[in-house]
PDB file of N, CA and C in Angstrom:
ATOM      1  N   MET A   1      29.259 -61.264 -44.006  1.00  0.00           N
ATOM      2  CA  MET A   1      28.604 -62.131 -43.056  1.00  0.00           C
ATOM      3  C   MET A   1      27.121 -61.770 -43.031  1.00  0.00           C
ATOM      4  N   ARG A   2      26.298 -62.783 -42.870  1.00  0.00           N
ATOM      5  CA  ARG A   2      24.847 -62.577 -42.877  1.00  0.00           C
ATOM      6  C   ARG A   2      24.282 -62.844 -41.482  1.00  0.00           C
ATOM      7  N   LEU A   3      23.438 -61.921 -41.017  1.00  0.00           N
ATOM      8  CA  LEU A   3      22.795 -62.056 -39.710  1.00  0.00           C
ATOM      9  C   LEU A   3      21.878 -63.272 -39.710  1.00  0.00           C
ATOM     10  N   ARG A   4      22.035 -64.132 -38.721  1.00  0.00           N
ATOM     11  CA  ARG A   4      21.210 -65.343 -38.637  1.00  0.00           C
ATOM     12  C   ARG A   4      19.789 -65.024 -38.174  1.00  0.00           C
ATOM     13  N   SER A   5      19.663 -64.153 -37.157  1.00  0.00           N
ATOM     14  CA  SER A   5      18.351 -63.917 -36.577  1.00  0.00           C
ATOM     15  C   SER A   5      18.276 -62.540 -35.932  1.00  0.00           C
ATOM     16  N   ILE A   6      17.300 -61.775 -36.357  1.00  0.00           N
ATOM     17  CA  ILE A   6      17.056 -60.467 -35.737  1.00  0.00           C
ATOM     18  C   ILE A   6      16.654 -60.665 -34.277  1.00  0.00           C
ATOM     19  N   ASP A   7      15.836 -61.691 -34.020  1.00  0.00           N
ATOM     20  CA  ASP A   7      15.376 -61.947 -32.653  1.00  0.00           C
ATOM     21  C   ASP A   7      16.537 -62.255 -31.712  1.00  0.00           C
ATOM     22  N   THR A   8      17.521 -62.990 -32.190  1.00  0.00           N
ATOM     23  CA  THR A   8      18.692 -63.290 -31.365  1.00  0.00           C
ATOM     24  C   THR A   8      19.464 -62.015 -31.061  1.00  0.00           C
ATOM     25  N   LEU A   9      19.634 -61.170 -32.056  1.00  0.00           N
ATOM     26  CA  LEU A   9      20.323 -59.898 -31.839  1.00  0.00           C
ATOM     27  C   LEU A   9      19.580 -59.062 -30.806  1.00  0.00           C
ATOM     28  N   ARG A  10      18.265 -58.970 -30.933  1.00  0.00           N
ATOM     29  CA  ARG A  10      17.453 -58.207 -29.956  1.00  0.00           C
ATOM     30  C   ARG A  10      17.604 -58.782 -28.548  1.00  0.00           C
ATOM     31  N   ALA A  11      17.509 -60.107 -28.444  1.00  0.00           N
ATOM     32  CA  ALA A  11      17.600 -60.755 -27.127  1.00  0.00           C
ATOM     33  C   ALA A  11      18.959 -60.515 -26.489  1.00  0.00           C
ATOM     34  N   LEU A  12      20.015 -60.568 -27.282  1.00  0.00           N
ATOM     35  CA  LEU A  12      21.358 -60.334 -26.733  1.00  0.00           C
ATOM     36  C   LEU A  12      21.533 -58.880 -26.309  1.00  0.00           C
ATOM     37  N   LEU A  13      20.971 -57.958 -27.059  1.00  0.00           N
ATOM     38  CA  LEU A  13      21.026 -56.549 -26.657  1.00  0.00           C
ATOM     39  C   LEU A  13      20.372 -56.371 -25.290  1.00  0.00           C
ATOM     40  N   LYS A  14      19.192 -56.967 -25.139  1.00  0.00           N
ATOM     41  CA  LYS A  14      18.459 -56.868 -23.878  1.00  0.00           C
ATOM     42  C   LYS A  14      19.232 -57.545 -22.742  1.00  0.00           C
ATOM     43  N   GLN A  15      19.736 -58.737 -23.024  1.00  0.00           N
ATOM     44  CA  GLN A  15      20.476 -59.502 -22.015  1.00  0.00           C
ATOM     45  C   GLN A  15      21.709 -58.749 -21.520  1.00  0.00           C
ATOM     46  N   GLU A  16      22.397 -58.093 -22.424  1.00  0.00           N
ATOM     47  CA  GLU A  16      23.613 -57.359 -22.066  1.00  0.00           C
ATOM     48  C   GLU A  16      23.303 -55.959 -21.546  1.00  0.00           C
ATOM     49  N   GLY A  17      22.049 -55.553 -21.636  1.00  0.00           N
ATOM     50  CA  GLY A  17      21.668 -54.228 -21.163  1.00  0.00           C
ATOM     51  C   GLY A  17      22.234 -53.113 -22.015  1.00  0.00           C
ATOM     52  N   LEU A  18      22.418 -53.396 -23.281  1.00  0.00           N
ATOM     53  CA  LEU A  18      22.978 -52.398 -24.190  1.00  0.00           C
ATOM     54  C   LEU A  18      21.868 -51.737 -25.004  1.00  0.00           C
ATOM     55  N   SER A  19      22.034 -50.471 -25.249  1.00  0.00           N
ATOM     56  CA  SER A  19      21.147 -49.764 -26.172  1.00  0.00           C
ATOM     57  C   SER A  19      21.727 -49.906 -27.574  1.00  0.00           C
ATOM     58  N   ILE A  20      20.967 -49.460 -28.549  1.00  0.00           N
ATOM     59  CA  ILE A  20      21.478 -49.466 -29.915  1.00  0.00           C
ATOM     60  C   ILE A  20      22.750 -48.623 -29.997  1.00  0.00           C
ATOM     61  N   GLY A  21      22.711 -47.458 -29.379  1.00  0.00           N
ATOM     62  CA  GLY A  21      23.885 -46.587 -29.372  1.00  0.00           C
ATOM     63  C   GLY A  21      25.067 -47.200 -28.647  1.00  0.00           C
ATOM     64  N   GLY A  22      24.782 -47.904 -27.554  1.00  0.00           N
ATOM     65  CA  GLY A  22      25.854 -48.555 -26.803  1.00  0.00           C
ATOM     66  C   GLY A  22      26.521 -49.650 -27.611  1.00  0.00           C
ATOM     67  N   LEU A  23      25.714 -50.445 -28.295  1.00  0.00           N
ATOM     68  CA  LEU A  23      26.282 -51.494 -29.142  1.00  0.00           C
ATOM     69  C   LEU A  23      27.072 -50.885 -30.290  1.00  0.00           C
ATOM     70  N   ALA A  24      26.514 -49.850 -30.894  1.00  0.00           N
ATOM     71  CA  ALA A  24      27.213 -49.191 -31.997  1.00  0.00           C
ATOM     72  C   ALA A  24      28.568 -48.662 -31.544  1.00  0.00           C
ATOM     73  N   GLN A  25      28.603 -48.062 -30.356  1.00  0.00           N
ATOM     74  CA  GLN A  25      29.867 -47.530 -29.852  1.00  0.00           C
ATOM     75  C   GLN A  25      30.863 -48.655 -29.595  1.00  0.00           C
ATOM     76  N   GLU A  26      30.402 -49.734 -28.959  1.00  0.00           N
ATOM     77  CA  GLU A  26      31.285 -50.872 -28.675  1.00  0.00           C
ATOM     78  C   GLU A  26      31.794 -51.527 -29.957  1.00  0.00           C
ATOM     79  N   ALA A  27      30.925 -51.607 -30.964  1.00  0.00           N
ATOM     80  CA  ALA A  27      31.280 -52.283 -32.217  1.00  0.00           C
ATOM     81  C   ALA A  27      31.932 -51.341 -33.231  1.00  0.00           C
ATOM     82  N   GLN A  28      32.034 -50.074 -32.879  1.00  0.00           N
ATOM     83  CA  GLN A  28      32.648 -49.060 -33.739  1.00  0.00           C
ATOM     84  C   GLN A  28      31.938 -48.957 -35.096  1.00  0.00           C
ATOM     85  N   CYS A  29      30.617 -48.796 -35.007  1.00  0.00           N
ATOM     86  CA  CYS A  29      29.832 -48.565 -36.221  1.00  0.00           C
ATOM     87  C   CYS A  29      28.754 -47.547 -35.885  1.00  0.00           C
ATOM     88  N   SER A  30      27.918 -47.225 -36.835  1.00  0.00           N
ATOM     89  CA  SER A  30      26.892 -46.215 -36.589  1.00  0.00           C
ATOM     90  C   SER A  30      25.656 -46.815 -35.922  1.00  0.00           C
ATOM     91  N   LYS A  31      24.933 -45.961 -35.206  1.00  0.00           N
ATOM     92  CA  LYS A  31      23.655 -46.389 -34.620  1.00  0.00           C
ATOM     93  C   LYS A  31      22.693 -46.772 -35.729  1.00  0.00           C
ATOM     94  N   GLY A  32      22.756 -46.050 -36.815  1.00  0.00           N
ATOM     95  CA  GLY A  32      21.890 -46.335 -37.951  1.00  0.00           C
ATOM     96  C   GLY A  32      22.086 -47.743 -38.491  1.00  0.00           C
ATOM     97  N   PHE A  33      23.334 -48.195 -38.530  1.00  0.00           N
ATOM     98  CA  PHE A  33      23.601 -49.538 -39.039  1.00  0.00           C
ATOM     99  C   PHE A  33      22.970 -50.593 -38.132  1.00  0.00           C
ATOM    100  N   ILE A  34      23.142 -50.438 -36.818  1.00  0.00           N
ATOM    101  CA  ILE A  34      22.549 -51.389 -35.875  1.00  0.00           C
ATOM    102  C   ILE A  34      21.023 -51.342 -35.990  1.00  0.00           C
ATOM    103  N   SER A  35      20.486 -50.153 -36.117  1.00  0.00           N
ATOM    104  CA  SER A  35      19.047 -49.993 -36.278  1.00  0.00           C
ATOM    105  C   SER A  35      18.553 -50.701 -37.537  1.00  0.00           C
ATOM    106  N   HIS A  36      19.302 -50.597 -38.607  1.00  0.00           N
ATOM    107  CA  HIS A  36      18.929 -51.262 -39.855  1.00  0.00           C
ATOM    108  C   HIS A  36      18.978 -52.784 -39.708  1.00  0.00           C
ATOM    109  N   LEU A  37      19.969 -53.299 -38.979  1.00  0.00           N
ATOM    110  CA  LEU A  37      20.014 -54.748 -38.719  1.00  0.00           C
ATOM    111  C   LEU A  37      18.768 -55.184 -37.960  1.00  0.00           C
ATOM    112  N   LEU A  38      18.414 -54.425 -36.933  1.00  0.00           N
ATOM    113  CA  LEU A  38      17.265 -54.783 -36.101  1.00  0.00           C
ATOM    114  C   LEU A  38      15.938 -54.668 -36.846  1.00  0.00           C
ATOM    115  N   ALA A  39      15.865 -53.788 -37.818  1.00  0.00           N
ATOM    116  CA  ALA A  39      14.631 -53.594 -38.588  1.00  0.00           C
ATOM    117  C   ALA A  39      14.563 -54.507 -39.814  1.00  0.00           C
ATOM    118  N   GLY A  40      15.665 -55.201 -40.090  1.00  0.00           N
ATOM    119  CA  GLY A  40      15.683 -56.073 -41.252  1.00  0.00           C
ATOM    120  C   GLY A  40      15.992 -55.369 -42.556  1.00  0.00           C
ATOM    121  N   ARG A  41      16.348 -54.091 -42.486  1.00  0.00           N
ATOM    122  CA  ARG A  41      16.698 -53.356 -43.708  1.00  0.00           C
ATOM    123  C   ARG A  41      18.103 -53.696 -44.175  1.00  0.00           C
ATOM    124  N   ARG A  42      18.919 -54.187 -43.277  1.00  0.00           N
ATOM    125  CA  ARG A  42      20.254 -54.703 -43.599  1.00  0.00           C
ATOM    126  C   ARG A  42      20.348 -56.092 -42.989  1.00  0.00           C
ATOM    127  N   SER A  43      21.071 -56.973 -43.648  1.00  0.00           N
ATOM    128  CA  SER A  43      21.216 -58.316 -43.091  1.00  0.00           C
ATOM    129  C   SER A  43      22.645 -58.817 -43.155  1.00  0.00           C
ATOM    130  N   SER A  44      23.544 -57.999 -43.673  1.00  0.00           N
ATOM    131  CA  SER A  44      24.923 -58.455 -43.774  1.00  0.00           C
ATOM    132  C   SER A  44      25.886 -57.333 -43.407  1.00  0.00           C
ATOM    133  N   CYS A  45      27.103 -57.754 -43.119  1.00  0.00           N
ATOM    134  CA  CYS A  45      28.166 -56.803 -42.784  1.00  0.00           C
ATOM    135  C   CYS A  45      29.503 -57.455 -43.098  1.00  0.00           C
ATOM    136  N   THR A  46      30.550 -56.689 -42.943  1.00  0.00           N
ATOM    137  CA  THR A  46      31.886 -57.237 -43.162  1.00  0.00           C
ATOM    138  C   THR A  46      32.224 -58.211 -42.030  1.00  0.00           C
ATOM    139  N   PRO A  47      33.119 -59.144 -42.292  1.00  0.00           N
ATOM    140  CA  PRO A  47      33.536 -60.050 -41.213  1.00  0.00           C
ATOM    141  C   PRO A  47      34.095 -59.311 -39.996  1.00  0.00           C
ATOM    142  N   ALA A  48      34.861 -58.264 -40.229  1.00  0.00           N
ATOM    143  CA  ALA A  48      35.443 -57.520 -39.107  1.00  0.00           C
ATOM    144  C   ALA A  48      34.360 -56.901 -38.233  1.00  0.00           C
ATOM    145  N   LEU A  49      33.338 -56.317 -38.859  1.00  0.00           N
ATOM    146  CA  LEU A  49      32.251 -55.717 -38.087  1.00  0.00           C
ATOM    147  C   LEU A  49      31.432 -56.794 -37.384  1.00  0.00           C
ATOM    148  N   GLY A  50      31.206 -57.917 -38.038  1.00  0.00           N
ATOM    149  CA  GLY A  50      30.490 -59.020 -37.400  1.00  0.00           C
ATOM    150  C   GLY A  50      31.182 -59.484 -36.135  1.00  0.00           C
ATOM    151  N   VAL A  51      32.493 -59.573 -36.197  1.00  0.00           N
ATOM    152  CA  VAL A  51      33.279 -59.976 -35.017  1.00  0.00           C
ATOM    153  C   VAL A  51      33.152 -58.932 -33.916  1.00  0.00           C
ATOM    154  N   ARG A  52      33.214 -57.658 -34.261  1.00  0.00           N
ATOM    155  CA  ARG A  52      33.107 -56.599 -33.243  1.00  0.00           C
ATOM    156  C   ARG A  52      31.730 -56.591 -32.590  1.00  0.00           C
ATOM    157  N   ILE A  53      30.681 -56.808 -33.371  1.00  0.00           N
ATOM    158  CA  ILE A  53      29.320 -56.850 -32.813  1.00  0.00           C
ATOM    159  C   ILE A  53      29.194 -58.034 -31.861  1.00  0.00           C
ATOM    160  N   ALA A  54      29.666 -59.196 -32.296  1.00  0.00           N
ATOM    161  CA  ALA A  54      29.583 -60.386 -31.455  1.00  0.00           C
ATOM    162  C   ALA A  54      30.377 -60.213 -30.160  1.00  0.00           C
ATOM    163  N   ARG A  55      31.561 -59.653 -30.248  1.00  0.00           N
ATOM    164  CA  ARG A  55      32.380 -59.418 -29.043  1.00  0.00           C
ATOM    165  C   ARG A  55      31.675 -58.464 -28.088  1.00  0.00           C
ATOM    166  N   ALA A  56      31.078 -57.425 -28.633  1.00  0.00           N
ATOM    167  CA  ALA A  56      30.376 -56.452 -27.790  1.00  0.00           C
ATOM    168  C   ALA A  56      29.218 -57.111 -27.046  1.00  0.00           C
ATOM    169  N   LEU A  57      28.636 -58.147 -27.656  1.00  0.00           N
ATOM    170  CA  LEU A  57      27.509 -58.853 -27.034  1.00  0.00           C
ATOM    171  C   LEU A  57      27.950 -60.091 -26.266  1.00  0.00           C
ATOM    172  N   GLY A  58      29.250 -60.366 -26.277  1.00  0.00           N
ATOM    173  CA  GLY A  58      29.799 -61.462 -25.486  1.00  0.00           C
ATOM    174  C   GLY A  58      29.469 -62.853 -26.005  1.00  0.00           C
ATOM    175  N   VAL A  59      29.332 -62.993 -27.323  1.00  0.00           N
ATOM    176  CA  VAL A  59      29.036 -64.302 -27.895  1.00  0.00           C
ATOM    177  C   VAL A  59      29.991 -64.605 -29.053  1.00  0.00           C
ATOM    178  N   PRO A  60      30.156 -65.880 -29.388  1.00  0.00           N
ATOM    179  CA  PRO A  60      30.939 -66.202 -30.593  1.00  0.00           C
ATOM    180  C   PRO A  60      30.246 -65.635 -31.832  1.00  0.00           C
ATOM    181  N   VAL A  61      31.014 -65.237 -32.805  1.00  0.00           N
ATOM    182  CA  VAL A  61      30.464 -64.612 -34.010  1.00  0.00           C
ATOM    183  C   VAL A  61      29.473 -65.534 -34.708  1.00  0.00           C
ATOM    184  N   THR A  62      29.664 -66.851 -34.601  1.00  0.00           N
ATOM    185  CA  THR A  62      28.770 -67.789 -35.291  1.00  0.00           C
ATOM    186  C   THR A  62      27.376 -67.843 -34.675  1.00  0.00           C
ATOM    187  N   VAL A  63      27.197 -67.314 -33.473  1.00  0.00           N
ATOM    188  CA  VAL A  63      25.865 -67.245 -32.866  1.00  0.00           C
ATOM    189  C   VAL A  63      25.005 -66.226 -33.622  1.00  0.00           C
ATOM    190  N   LEU A  64      25.626 -65.155 -34.054  1.00  0.00           N
ATOM    191  CA  LEU A  64      24.898 -64.073 -34.728  1.00  0.00           C
ATOM    192  C   LEU A  64      24.964 -64.118 -36.247  1.00  0.00           C
ATOM    193  N   PHE A  65      26.088 -64.548 -36.770  1.00  0.00           N
ATOM    194  CA  PHE A  65      26.314 -64.429 -38.207  1.00  0.00           C
ATOM    195  C   PHE A  65      26.753 -65.744 -38.825  1.00  0.00           C
ATOM    196  N   GLU A  66      26.392 -65.883 -40.095  1.00  0.00           N
ATOM    197  CA  GLU A  66      26.928 -66.991 -40.879  1.00  0.00           C
ATOM    198  C   GLU A  66      27.777 -66.383 -41.990  1.00  0.00           C
ATOM    199  N   LEU A  67      28.805 -67.103 -42.366  1.00  0.00           N
ATOM    200  CA  LEU A  67      29.679 -66.609 -43.416  1.00  0.00           C
ATOM    201  C   LEU A  67      28.967 -66.677 -44.752  1.00  0.00           C
ATOM    202  N   ASN A  68      29.127 -65.650 -45.548  1.00  0.00           N
ATOM    203  CA  ASN A  68      28.620 -65.676 -46.923  1.00  0.00           C
ATOM    204  C   ASN A  68      29.518 -66.590 -47.727  1.00  0.00           C
ATOM    205  N   ARG A  69      28.915 -67.312 -48.664  1.00  0.00           N
ATOM    206  CA  ARG A  69      29.726 -68.116 -49.561  1.00  0.00           C
ATOM    207  C   ARG A  69      30.409 -67.184 -50.545  1.00  0.00           C
ATOM    208  N   PRO A  70      31.641 -67.494 -50.928  1.00  0.00           N
ATOM    209  CA  PRO A  70      32.322 -66.655 -51.914  1.00  0.00           C
ATOM    210  C   PRO A  70      31.519 -66.582 -53.203  1.00  0.00           C
ATOM    211  N   PHE A  71      31.680 -65.489 -53.940  1.00  0.00           N
ATOM    212  CA  PHE A  71      30.929 -65.268 -55.164  1.00  0.00           C
ATOM    213  C   PHE A  71      31.097 -66.441 -56.125  1.00  0.00           C
ATOM    214  N   ALA A  72      32.326 -66.928 -56.285  1.00  0.00           N
ATOM    215  CA  ALA A  72      32.567 -68.017 -57.230  1.00  0.00           C
ATOM    216  C   ALA A  72      31.754 -69.255 -56.854  1.00  0.00           C
ATOM    217  N   GLN A  73      31.635 -69.542 -55.565  1.00  0.00           N
ATOM    218  CA  GLN A  73      30.859 -70.699 -55.124  1.00  0.00           C
ATOM    219  C   GLN A  73      29.371 -70.483 -55.393  1.00  0.00           C
ATOM    220  N   ARG A  74      28.858 -69.287 -55.133  1.00  0.00           N
ATOM    221  CA  ARG A  74      27.446 -69.004 -55.419  1.00  0.00           C
ATOM    222  C   ARG A  74      27.177 -69.167 -56.905  1.00  0.00           C
ATOM    223  N   ARG A  75      28.103 -68.687 -57.725  1.00  0.00           N
ATOM    224  CA  ARG A  75      27.935 -68.780 -59.176  1.00  0.00           C
ATOM    225  C   ARG A  75      27.896 -70.242 -59.613  1.00  0.00           C
ATOM    226  N   ARG A  76      28.814 -71.065 -59.078  1.00  0.00           N
ATOM    227  CA  ARG A  76      28.820 -72.490 -59.412  1.00  0.00           C
ATOM    228  C   ARG A  76      27.510 -73.138 -58.995  1.00  0.00           C
ATOM    229  N   ASP A  77      27.011 -72.779 -57.823  1.00  0.00           N
ATOM    230  CA  ASP A  77      25.753 -73.344 -57.334  1.00  0.00           C
ATOM    231  C   ASP A  77      24.593 -72.979 -58.250  1.00  0.00           C
ATOM    232  N   GLN A  78      24.610 -71.771 -58.778  1.00  0.00           N
ATOM    233  CA  GLN A  78      23.519 -71.316 -59.637  1.00  0.00           C
ATOM    234  C   GLN A  78      23.538 -72.021 -60.984  1.00  0.00           C
ATOM    235  N   THR A  79      24.715 -72.353 -61.483  1.00  0.00           N
ATOM    236  CA  THR A  79      24.810 -72.924 -62.824  1.00  0.00           C
ATOM    237  C   THR A  79      24.958 -74.438 -62.820  1.00  0.00           C
ATOM    238  N   SER A  80      25.185 -75.055 -61.686  1.00  0.00           N
ATOM    239  CA  SER A  80      25.362 -76.506 -61.672  1.00  0.00           C
ATOM    240  C   SER A  80      24.061 -77.188 -62.064  1.00  0.00           C
ATOM    241  N   GLY A  81      24.199 -78.232 -62.829  1.00  0.00           N
ATOM    242  CA  GLY A  81      23.032 -78.984 -63.239  1.00  0.00           C
ATOM    243  C   GLY A  81      22.323 -78.426 -64.457  1.00  0.00           C
ATOM    244  N   LEU A  82      22.730 -77.277 -64.911  1.00  0.00           N
ATOM    245  CA  LEU A  82      22.098 -76.701 -66.094  1.00  0.00           C
ATOM    246  C   LEU A  82      22.846 -77.152 -67.338  1.00  0.00           C
ATOM    247  N   ALA A  83      22.125 -77.586 -68.340  1.00  0.00           N
ATOM    248  CA  ALA A  83      22.762 -77.995 -69.594  1.00  0.00           C
ATOM    249  C   ALA A  83      23.317 -76.757 -70.287  1.00  0.00           C
ATOM    250  N   ALA A  84      24.471 -76.922 -70.866  1.00  0.00           N
ATOM    251  CA  ALA A  84      25.066 -75.813 -71.603  1.00  0.00           C
ATOM    252  C   ALA A  84      24.233 -75.554 -72.854  1.00  0.00           C
ATOM    253  N   ARG A  85      23.924 -74.308 -73.093  1.00  0.00           N
ATOM    254  CA  ARG A  85      23.154 -73.948 -74.279  1.00  0.00           C
ATOM    255  C   ARG A  85      24.093 -73.853 -75.473  1.00  0.00           C
ATOM    256  N   PRO A  86      23.665 -74.363 -76.623  1.00  0.00           N
ATOM    257  CA  PRO A  86      24.533 -74.251 -77.798  1.00  0.00           C
ATOM    258  C   PRO A  86      24.674 -72.788 -78.198  1.00  0.00           C
ATOM    259  N   ARG A  87      25.854 -72.434 -78.616  1.00  0.00           N
ATOM    260  CA  ARG A  87      26.086 -71.069 -79.080  1.00  0.00           C
ATOM    261  C   ARG A  87      25.497 -70.908 -80.458  1.00  0.00           C
ATOM    262  N   THR A  88      24.909 -69.774 -80.711  1.00  0.00           N
ATOM    263  CA  THR A  88      24.375 -69.470 -82.039  1.00  0.00           C
ATOM    264  C   THR A  88      24.906 -68.128 -82.479  1.00  0.00           C
ATOM    265  N   VAL A  89      24.922 -67.954 -83.776  1.00  0.00           N
ATOM    266  CA  VAL A  89      25.346 -66.673 -84.328  1.00  0.00           C
ATOM    267  C   VAL A  89      24.267 -66.170 -85.270  1.00  0.00           C
ATOM    268  N   ALA A  90      24.124 -64.875 -85.365  1.00  0.00           N
ATOM    269  CA  ALA A  90      23.154 -64.285 -86.292  1.00  0.00           C
ATOM    270  C   ALA A  90      23.767 -64.262 -87.679  1.00  0.00           C
ATOM    271  N   VAL A  91      23.058 -64.810 -88.657  1.00  0.00           N
ATOM    272  CA  VAL A  91      23.536 -64.831 -90.030  1.00  0.00           C
ATOM    273  C   VAL A  91      22.884 -63.682 -90.797  1.00  0.00           C
ATOM    274  N   ARG A  92      21.585 -63.582 -90.708  1.00  0.00           N
ATOM    275  CA  ARG A  92      20.808 -62.479 -91.269  1.00  0.00           C
ATOM    276  C   ARG A  92      19.852 -62.035 -90.183  1.00  0.00           C
ATOM    277  N   PRO A  93      19.330 -60.863 -90.258  1.00  0.00           N
ATOM    278  CA  PRO A  93      18.381 -60.431 -89.228  1.00  0.00           C
ATOM    279  C   PRO A  93      17.274 -61.466 -89.052  1.00  0.00           C
ATOM    280  N   GLY A  94      17.096 -61.905 -87.820  1.00  0.00           N
ATOM    281  CA  GLY A  94      16.046 -62.859 -87.495  1.00  0.00           C
ATOM    282  C   GLY A  94      16.423 -64.310 -87.719  1.00  0.00           C
ATOM    283  N   GLU A  95      17.585 -64.606 -88.302  1.00  0.00           N
ATOM    284  CA  GLU A  95      17.995 -65.983 -88.571  1.00  0.00           C
ATOM    285  C   GLU A  95      19.232 -66.299 -87.744  1.00  0.00           C
ATOM    286  N   GLN A  96      19.245 -67.462 -87.122  1.00  0.00           N
ATOM    287  CA  GLN A  96      20.411 -67.880 -86.342  1.00  0.00           C
ATOM    288  C   GLN A  96      20.785 -69.296 -86.712  1.00  0.00           C
ATOM    289  N   ARG A  97      22.066 -69.584 -86.653  1.00  0.00           N
ATOM    290  CA  ARG A  97      22.579 -70.935 -86.892  1.00  0.00           C
ATOM    291  C   ARG A  97      23.549 -71.274 -85.776  1.00  0.00           C
ATOM    292  N   PRO A  98      23.712 -72.575 -85.496  1.00  0.00           N
ATOM    293  CA  PRO A  98      24.723 -72.961 -84.514  1.00  0.00           C
ATOM    294  C   PRO A  98      26.089 -72.438 -84.938  1.00  0.00           C
ATOM    295  N   ALA A  99      26.904 -72.041 -83.973  1.00  0.00           N
ATOM    296  CA  ALA A  99      28.214 -71.468 -84.256  1.00  0.00           C
ATOM    297  C   ALA A  99      29.099 -72.416 -85.042  1.00  0.00           C
ATOM    298  N   ASP A 100      28.927 -73.729 -84.917  1.00  0.00           N
ATOM    299  CA  ASP A 100      29.751 -74.698 -85.618  1.00  0.00           C
ATOM    300  C   ASP A 100      29.479 -74.700 -87.119  1.00  0.00           C
ATOM    301  N   ASP A 101      28.303 -74.218 -87.563  1.00  0.00           N
ATOM    302  CA  ASP A 101      27.949 -74.228 -88.979  1.00  0.00           C
ATOM    303  C   ASP A 101      28.468 -73.023 -89.733  1.00  0.00           C
ATOM    304  N   VAL A 102      29.086 -72.078 -89.057  1.00  0.00           N
ATOM    305  CA  VAL A 102      29.557 -70.846 -89.705  1.00  0.00           C
ATOM    306  C   VAL A 102      30.858 -71.129 -90.439  1.00  0.00           C
ATOM    307  N   ASP A 103      30.941 -70.662 -91.688  1.00  0.00           N
ATOM    308  CA  ASP A 103      32.158 -70.888 -92.497  1.00  0.00           C
ATOM    309  C   ASP A 103      33.260 -69.959 -92.088  1.00  0.00           C
TER     310      ASP A 103
END
């Protein structure tokens, strides 16, 4: 899960009157991890931890985090629209021919 906004996380901490350590204890993670989220050094976490952080702050998980797209979907997004490159094989050093021309 990816953090939507550092500012929202900060505001919710203040609103709930929680310290970094208090949130970490409620969410069952380290103070360092929460500190890294707030500083922007980390921006993602596991879904389970995202849910625990959101519960500790009294908000739905979607207020703080967005789901990461699965790797396969990201890969499809990166390659969609790109023309397939023809395969080539090396025949002699420095010379290449399309794979279909190889005997």
